[in-house]
Amino acid sequence: MHAKQNTSSVPLFSAMRFVLYIRGQLDCRPSPTAANEQRKYLREFADTERATVEGTFSDPIPEVDGHLGPVPELHKAIELCRETDATLVYLPMGAWRRNPLFFQAIRDFKAEGGNVLRQPSKTFHAELEKAKKAFCIYVQRKKSGRKGGLGKRRQSTIYIKQNIIDQLVDLREQGLTFARIAETLNAEAKTTFSGKPWTQDTVRKVYRAQQRAAKAKR
């Protein structure tokens, strides 16, 4: 385990920490090509930014009575993130979409305020840049009392908005309709960025805006 760094005496992003989690395929083996490529990119980024890779974890996807099994390694990865303030970078492969235990663990960690980054594979560097920005906001929020930092309320608003967007995208990728996503967000008392209840149309607009932004980065 690496000792925590003092961000006041070193460059900001040298305090970045990542934990990589790879979801295996139905043959119970993670794809070595994809997995190794992701580890390579992550370590290259970490070396460039003087960041820290705290560890890598991988779960196979065994079938248990026709359902996808538990995810013990994911829970270990999340626990390491809690201990080290690391960002969880997860690479889903195979039948990951059908595992409710996987999504529940991710949602619970996000609800705690954990930083989670989903990585489909080809846009890894662009996604890590998003992680860098998210981490910058996180550090600024923790240092809200320092001169020149963003106000605490503004930092919190930015952070909450990004979490809502991430949740919206995750729910859509799980197959939920725009109307159902709106119901879910409203049930959790999460409003739109203008403070209004979510509707099918506002969910669609935000989701499509995110898709356009993702394509522009490729």
Protein backbone atom coordinates (compact mmCIF):
# COMPACT_ATOMS: atom_id res chain seq x y z
CA MET A 1 0.00 0.00 0.00
CA HIS A 2 1.33 3.41 -0.93
CA ALA A 3 1.47 6.14 1.67
CA LYS A 4 -0.84 9.07 1.00
CA GLN A 5 0.87 12.02 -0.60
CA ASN A 6 0.79 15.60 0.62
CA THR A 7 -0.82 17.53 -2.23
CA SER A 8 0.31 20.85 -0.81
CA SER A 9 3.99 20.07 -1.48
CA VAL A 10 3.79 18.16 -4.79
CA PRO A 11 2.17 18.86 -8.19
CA LEU A 12 -1.62 18.45 -8.02
CA PHE A 13 -2.02 15.40 -10.24
CA SER A 14 0.84 13.49 -8.68
CA ALA A 15 -1.71 12.64 -5.98
CA MET A 16 -4.02 10.90 -8.45
CA ARG A 17 -4.70 7.28 -7.63
CA PHE A 18 -6.41 4.62 -9.72
CA VAL A 19 -7.72 1.12 -9.14
CA LEU A 20 -8.45 -0.90 -12.31
CA TYR A 21 -11.26 -3.48 -12.34
CA ILE A 22 -11.82 -5.81 -15.28
CA ARG A 23 -15.01 -7.80 -15.74
CA GLY A 24 -14.30 -11.21 -17.27
CA GLN A 25 -16.15 -13.07 -20.03
CA LEU A 26 -18.47 -16.06 -19.79
CA ASP A 27 -15.58 -18.49 -20.31
CA CYS A 28 -14.44 -17.27 -16.86
CA ARG A 29 -11.28 -15.72 -18.28
CA PRO A 30 -10.82 -11.98 -18.86
CA SER A 31 -9.64 -11.15 -22.36
CA PRO A 32 -5.83 -10.99 -22.02
CA THR A 33 -5.45 -8.66 -25.01
CA ALA A 34 -7.99 -6.08 -23.81
CA ALA A 35 -6.96 -6.40 -20.18
CA ASN A 36 -3.25 -5.99 -20.87
CA GLU A 37 -3.90 -3.05 -23.19
CA GLN A 38 -5.88 -1.27 -20.49
CA ARG A 39 -3.19 -1.90 -17.89
CA LYS A 40 -0.60 -0.56 -20.33
CA TYR A 41 -2.56 2.65 -20.99
CA LEU A 42 -3.27 3.15 -17.31
CA ARG A 43 0.36 2.77 -16.31
CA GLU A 44 1.54 5.03 -19.15
CA PHE A 45 -0.86 7.71 -17.98
CA ALA A 46 0.18 7.18 -14.38
CA ASP A 47 3.87 7.49 -15.29
CA THR A 48 3.24 10.67 -17.27
CA GLU A 49 1.18 12.30 -14.54
CA ARG A 50 3.22 10.84 -11.69
CA ALA A 51 -0.01 9.24 -10.50
CA THR A 52 -0.34 5.98 -8.59
CA VAL A 53 -1.91 2.72 -9.72
CA GLU A 54 -2.99 1.16 -6.46
CA GLY A 55 -3.96 -2.22 -7.91
CA THR A 56 -5.83 -4.23 -10.54
CA PHE A 57 -8.67 -6.69 -9.93
CA SER A 58 -10.68 -9.05 -12.13
CA ASP A 59 -13.79 -11.19 -11.65
CA PRO A 60 -14.82 -14.02 -13.98
CA ILE A 61 -18.51 -14.34 -14.82
CA PRO A 62 -19.60 -17.83 -13.74
CA GLU A 63 -23.20 -18.84 -14.35
CA VAL A 64 -24.98 -19.70 -11.09
CA ASP A 65 -28.40 -21.29 -11.67
CA GLY A 66 -28.78 -19.32 -14.87
CA HIS A 67 -27.74 -16.04 -13.26
CA LEU A 68 -24.43 -14.23 -13.15
CA GLY A 69 -22.48 -14.85 -9.97
CA PRO A 70 -21.14 -12.53 -7.24
CA VAL A 71 -18.33 -10.02 -7.73
CA PRO A 72 -15.92 -10.44 -4.78
CA GLU A 73 -12.96 -8.83 -6.57
CA LEU A 74 -15.03 -5.74 -7.35
CA HIS A 75 -15.75 -5.30 -3.64
CA LYS A 76 -12.01 -5.62 -2.93
CA ALA A 77 -11.28 -2.98 -5.57
CA ILE A 78 -13.87 -0.63 -4.05
CA GLU A 79 -12.46 -1.18 -0.57
CA LEU A 80 -8.98 -0.28 -1.84
CA CYS A 81 -10.45 2.88 -3.40
CA ARG A 82 -11.92 3.83 -0.02
CA GLU A 83 -8.59 3.29 1.71
CA THR A 84 -6.54 5.26 -0.81
CA ASP A 85 -9.01 7.85 -2.21
CA ALA A 86 -8.47 6.24 -5.62
CA THR A 87 -10.69 6.53 -8.68
CA LEU A 88 -12.21 3.19 -9.69
CA VAL A 89 -11.68 2.60 -13.42
CA TYR A 90 -13.75 -0.37 -14.58
CA LEU A 91 -13.54 -2.16 -17.91
CA PRO A 92 -16.69 -4.22 -18.56
CA MET A 93 -16.53 -7.14 -20.99
CA GLY A 94 -18.75 -10.05 -21.94
CA ALA A 95 -22.09 -10.37 -20.14
CA TRP A 96 -21.51 -7.64 -17.55
CA ARG A 97 -24.79 -5.91 -18.46
CA ARG A 98 -26.81 -8.78 -16.96
CA ASN A 99 -25.28 -8.71 -13.49
CA PRO A 100 -27.37 -6.73 -10.96
CA LEU A 101 -24.79 -7.35 -8.21
CA PHE A 102 -22.17 -5.57 -10.31
CA PHE A 103 -24.33 -2.49 -10.87
CA GLN A 104 -25.51 -2.38 -7.26
CA ALA A 105 -21.92 -2.31 -6.00
CA ILE A 106 -21.06 0.50 -8.42
CA ARG A 107 -24.17 2.51 -7.46
CA ASP A 108 -23.51 2.08 -3.74
CA PHE A 109 -19.92 3.29 -4.12
CA LYS A 110 -21.04 6.31 -6.16
CA ALA A 111 -23.66 7.11 -3.51
CA GLU A 112 -20.85 7.29 -0.95
CA GLY A 113 -19.18 9.94 -3.09
CA GLY A 114 -16.68 7.55 -4.66
CA ASN A 115 -15.14 8.43 -8.02
CA VAL A 116 -16.04 5.85 -10.68
CA LEU A 117 -14.98 5.84 -14.33
CA ARG A 118 -16.42 3.38 -16.87
CA GLN A 119 -13.99 2.58 -19.66
CA PRO A 120 -15.32 0.88 -22.83
CA SER A 121 -11.73 0.65 -24.22
CA LYS A 122 -10.96 2.81 -27.28
CA THR A 123 -11.33 6.20 -25.61
CA PHE A 124 -9.12 5.42 -22.65
CA HIS A 125 -6.89 8.49 -22.74
CA ALA A 126 -9.85 10.82 -23.24
CA GLU A 127 -11.66 9.17 -20.34
CA LEU A 128 -8.63 9.52 -18.12
CA GLU A 129 -8.56 13.20 -18.93
CA LYS A 130 -12.13 13.30 -17.59
CA ALA A 131 -10.87 11.54 -14.50
CA LYS A 132 -8.16 14.17 -14.13
CA LYS A 133 -10.75 16.95 -14.27
CA ALA A 134 -13.00 15.13 -11.81
CA PHE A 135 -10.06 14.66 -9.48
CA CYS A 136 -9.18 18.35 -9.78
CA ILE A 137 -12.72 19.24 -8.71
CA TYR A 138 -12.46 16.73 -5.87
CA VAL A 139 -9.23 18.29 -4.60
CA GLN A 140 -10.62 21.82 -4.96
CA ARG A 141 -13.68 20.79 -2.98
CA LYS A 142 -11.53 19.44 -0.17
CA LYS A 143 -9.49 22.65 -0.19
CA SER A 144 -12.49 24.98 -0.46
CA GLY A 145 -11.16 27.18 2.33
CA ARG A 146 -7.94 28.01 0.46
CA LYS A 147 -7.46 31.28 -1.38
CA GLY A 148 -8.22 31.05 -5.09
CA GLY A 149 -10.25 27.84 -4.80
CA LEU A 150 -13.78 27.48 -6.10
CA GLY A 151 -16.54 28.25 -3.63
CA LYS A 152 -17.75 25.21 -1.73
CA ARG A 153 -21.29 25.47 -3.10
CA ARG A 154 -20.08 25.72 -6.72
CA GLN A 155 -17.71 22.78 -6.33
CA SER A 156 -20.45 20.66 -4.81
CA THR A 157 -22.85 21.58 -7.64
CA ILE A 158 -20.33 20.58 -10.33
CA TYR A 159 -19.65 17.28 -8.60
CA ILE A 160 -23.36 16.46 -8.13
CA LYS A 161 -24.14 17.29 -11.78
CA GLN A 162 -21.47 14.92 -13.05
CA ASN A 163 -22.70 12.13 -10.77
CA ILE A 164 -26.26 12.57 -12.08
CA ILE A 165 -25.04 12.50 -15.69
CA ASP A 166 -23.00 9.35 -15.03
CA GLN A 167 -26.02 7.68 -13.41
CA LEU A 168 -28.27 8.67 -16.31
CA VAL A 169 -25.86 7.18 -18.86
CA ASP A 170 -25.44 4.00 -16.80
CA LEU A 171 -29.21 3.51 -16.55
CA ARG A 172 -29.64 4.03 -20.29
CA GLU A 173 -26.91 1.49 -21.03
CA GLN A 174 -28.71 -0.97 -18.77
CA GLY A 175 -31.65 -0.74 -21.19
CA LEU A 176 -33.99 1.60 -19.29
CA THR A 177 -36.23 3.91 -21.32
CA PHE A 178 -35.89 7.67 -21.04
CA ALA A 179 -39.22 7.80 -19.21
CA ARG A 180 -38.12 5.15 -16.72
CA ILE A 181 -34.82 6.96 -16.12
CA ALA A 182 -36.75 10.17 -15.39
CA GLU A 183 -38.92 8.30 -12.87
CA THR A 184 -35.83 6.83 -11.20
CA LEU A 185 -34.04 10.18 -10.85
CA ASN A 186 -37.19 11.90 -9.56
CA ALA A 187 -37.76 9.10 -7.04
CA GLU A 188 -34.25 9.75 -5.71
CA ALA A 189 -35.07 13.48 -5.39
CA LYS A 190 -32.50 14.40 -8.04
CA THR A 191 -33.60 17.42 -10.04
CA THR A 192 -32.46 18.73 -13.40
CA PHE A 193 -29.64 21.28 -13.44
CA SER A 194 -32.25 24.06 -13.37
CA GLY A 195 -33.90 22.55 -10.29
CA LYS A 196 -36.93 21.05 -12.07
CA PRO A 197 -38.19 17.44 -12.10
CA TRP A 198 -36.82 15.19 -14.84
CA THR A 199 -38.99 14.36 -17.85
CA GLN A 200 -38.53 11.95 -20.73
CA ASP A 201 -37.47 14.86 -22.95
CA THR A 202 -34.89 16.32 -20.55
CA VAL A 203 -33.33 12.89 -20.01
CA ARG A 204 -33.13 12.37 -23.78
CA LYS A 205 -31.50 15.78 -24.30
CA VAL A 206 -28.84 15.22 -21.63
CA TYR A 207 -28.10 11.69 -22.84
CA ARG A 208 -27.74 12.74 -26.48
CA ALA A 209 -25.54 15.68 -25.49
CA GLN A 210 -23.26 13.24 -23.66
CA GLN A 211 -23.16 10.96 -26.72
CA ARG A 212 -22.19 13.88 -28.97
CA ALA A 213 -19.48 14.96 -26.55
CA ALA A 214 -18.09 11.42 -26.42
CA LYS A 215 -17.99 11.17 -30.22
CA ALA A 216 -16.25 14.54 -30.50
CA LYS A 217 -13.39 13.27 -28.33
CA ARG A 218 -12.73 10.21 -30.50
